[in-house]
Amino acid sequence: MTKEKLYIEHELKSRSENIIWQLISTETGLQNWIADSVSEQEGKITFTWGQDWAIHEQRTAIIVERVKNSHIRFHWEDEDDDFYWEMRMVYSDLTNDYILQVTDFAEPDDMEMLKSIWDKNFETLYRVTGL
């Protein structure tokens, strides 16, 4: 099967590019809303969901591109090179807030699950930061 692109826009209630950049590009920021544990070493970020001492999932992503206050693009180590996931921050002149654009890929049968995961991530982001 071929993967399909998922594109989501989420308006953030923030005008601070530095706060948003920290949330999408640092270990601490990502750990607040993407995974239970995040660590970066030499251009690779390891995401862990669940506790180390219990059943958990761990995946490593390579940082393909990081442009400060713009976007960060990842490639899962265990996937084909054609696919990535990206978070891009865009300033809205209309609302004077930032929009977080997420691009990700999944098999057609997994698209609803992937969308649900991102929806949950955004709920966590709002709950933790108010954005």
Protein backbone atom coordinates (compact mmCIF):
# COMPACT_ATOMS: atom_id res chain seq x y z
CA MET A 1 0.00 0.00 0.00
CA THR A 2 0.99 3.58 -0.55
CA LYS A 3 0.91 6.10 2.27
CA GLU A 4 -1.32 9.14 2.13
CA LYS A 5 -0.53 12.63 3.39
CA LEU A 6 -2.32 13.99 6.42
CA TYR A 7 -2.33 17.77 6.76
CA ILE A 8 -3.68 19.47 9.89
CA GLU A 9 -3.78 23.12 10.87
CA HIS A 10 -4.24 24.08 14.49
CA GLU A 11 -4.60 27.70 15.58
CA LEU A 12 -2.59 28.52 18.68
CA LYS A 13 -3.51 31.26 21.08
CA SER A 14 -0.05 32.78 21.07
CA ARG A 15 1.82 35.57 19.38
CA SER A 16 5.19 34.43 20.72
CA GLU A 17 7.25 32.65 18.10
CA ASN A 18 9.84 31.74 20.76
CA ILE A 19 7.31 29.87 22.92
CA ILE A 20 5.94 27.93 19.97
CA TRP A 21 9.41 27.17 18.63
CA GLN A 22 10.40 25.75 22.03
CA LEU A 23 7.30 23.52 22.03
CA ILE A 24 8.04 21.97 18.63
CA SER A 25 11.84 21.82 18.59
CA THR A 26 13.15 21.00 22.07
CA GLU A 27 13.13 17.85 24.19
CA THR A 28 11.20 19.58 26.98
CA GLY A 29 8.70 21.16 24.62
CA LEU A 30 7.96 17.94 22.74
CA GLN A 31 7.73 16.01 26.01
CA ASN A 32 4.96 18.37 27.12
CA TRP A 33 2.58 17.23 24.40
CA ILE A 34 3.93 14.57 22.01
CA ALA A 35 5.41 11.79 24.16
CA ASP A 36 6.02 10.79 27.77
CA SER A 37 9.77 11.08 27.33
CA VAL A 38 11.87 12.76 24.64
CA SER A 39 15.63 12.81 24.27
CA GLU A 40 17.84 14.23 21.54
CA GLN A 41 21.33 13.12 20.68
CA GLU A 42 23.34 13.94 17.56
CA GLY A 43 20.39 14.95 15.38
CA LYS A 44 18.20 12.04 16.47
CA ILE A 45 15.21 12.32 18.76
CA THR A 46 13.93 9.34 20.69
CA PHE A 47 10.25 9.44 21.65
CA THR A 48 8.96 7.12 24.38
CA TRP A 49 5.30 6.54 25.17
CA GLY A 50 4.59 4.79 28.48
CA GLN A 51 6.97 4.16 31.35
CA ASP A 52 10.40 2.55 30.87
CA TRP A 53 9.68 -0.02 33.59
CA ALA A 54 6.36 -1.08 32.01
CA ILE A 55 5.08 -1.79 28.53
CA HIS A 56 6.09 1.12 26.35
CA GLU A 57 6.76 2.11 22.76
CA GLN A 58 9.91 3.82 21.63
CA ARG A 59 10.68 5.31 18.22
CA THR A 60 13.59 7.33 16.94
CA ALA A 61 13.33 10.11 14.38
CA ILE A 62 16.12 11.80 12.50
CA ILE A 63 15.90 15.58 12.25
CA VAL A 64 15.94 16.18 8.50
CA GLU A 65 15.59 19.94 8.63
CA ARG A 66 15.31 22.51 11.40
CA VAL A 67 14.79 26.19 10.56
CA LYS A 68 14.48 28.29 13.71
CA ASN A 69 11.06 29.88 14.24
CA SER A 70 9.79 28.26 11.04
CA HIS A 71 9.63 24.45 10.95
CA ILE A 72 11.13 21.15 11.95
CA ARG A 73 10.98 18.02 9.79
CA PHE A 74 11.54 14.49 11.05
CA HIS A 75 12.02 11.11 9.40
CA TRP A 76 11.28 7.96 11.38
CA GLU A 77 14.38 5.76 11.35
CA ASP A 78 12.38 2.62 10.62
CA GLU A 79 10.42 3.97 7.63
CA ASP A 80 11.01 4.57 3.92
CA ASP A 81 12.96 7.69 3.02
CA ASP A 82 10.03 9.17 1.07
CA PHE A 83 7.98 9.85 4.19
CA TYR A 84 8.41 12.41 6.96
CA TRP A 85 6.47 14.35 9.53
CA GLU A 86 6.74 18.06 9.94
CA MET A 87 5.57 20.83 12.22
CA ARG A 88 5.52 24.31 10.75
CA MET A 89 4.58 27.53 12.52
CA VAL A 90 2.90 30.22 10.42
CA TYR A 91 1.87 33.67 11.58
CA SER A 92 -1.70 34.65 10.74
CA ASP A 93 -2.16 38.31 9.88
CA LEU A 94 -5.90 37.78 10.24
CA THR A 95 -5.87 36.62 13.89
CA ASN A 96 -2.41 37.88 14.92
CA ASP A 97 -1.72 34.42 16.33
CA TYR A 98 0.32 31.49 15.11
CA ILE A 99 -1.00 28.43 13.32
CA LEU A 100 0.75 25.13 13.73
CA GLN A 101 0.69 23.12 10.51
CA VAL A 102 1.38 19.40 10.79
CA THR A 103 2.16 17.14 7.87
CA ASP A 104 2.34 13.39 8.43
CA PHE A 105 1.86 10.20 6.43
CA ALA A 106 0.03 6.91 7.04
CA GLU A 107 -1.42 3.93 5.25
CA PRO A 108 -5.03 4.58 4.14
CA ASP A 109 -6.35 2.16 6.79
CA ASP A 110 -4.45 4.05 9.51
CA MET A 111 -5.43 7.61 8.60
CA GLU A 112 -8.25 7.89 11.16
CA MET A 113 -5.96 6.58 13.89
CA LEU A 114 -3.21 9.07 12.94
CA LYS A 115 -5.68 11.95 12.91
CA SER A 116 -6.93 10.82 16.32
CA ILE A 117 -3.36 10.76 17.67
CA TRP A 118 -2.74 14.32 16.47
CA ASP A 119 -6.09 15.47 17.89
CA LYS A 120 -5.09 14.00 21.25
CA ASN A 121 -1.68 15.67 21.03
CA PHE A 122 -3.33 19.05 20.41
CA GLU A 123 -5.70 18.47 23.35
CA THR A 124 -2.67 17.77 25.55
CA LEU A 125 -0.91 20.86 24.22
CA TYR A 126 -3.92 22.99 25.11
CA ARG A 127 -4.31 21.38 28.54
CA VAL A 128 -0.63 21.83 29.43
CA THR A 129 0.03 25.26 27.90
CA GLY A 130 -3.32 26.88 27.17
CA LEU A 131 -2.29 27.34 23.52
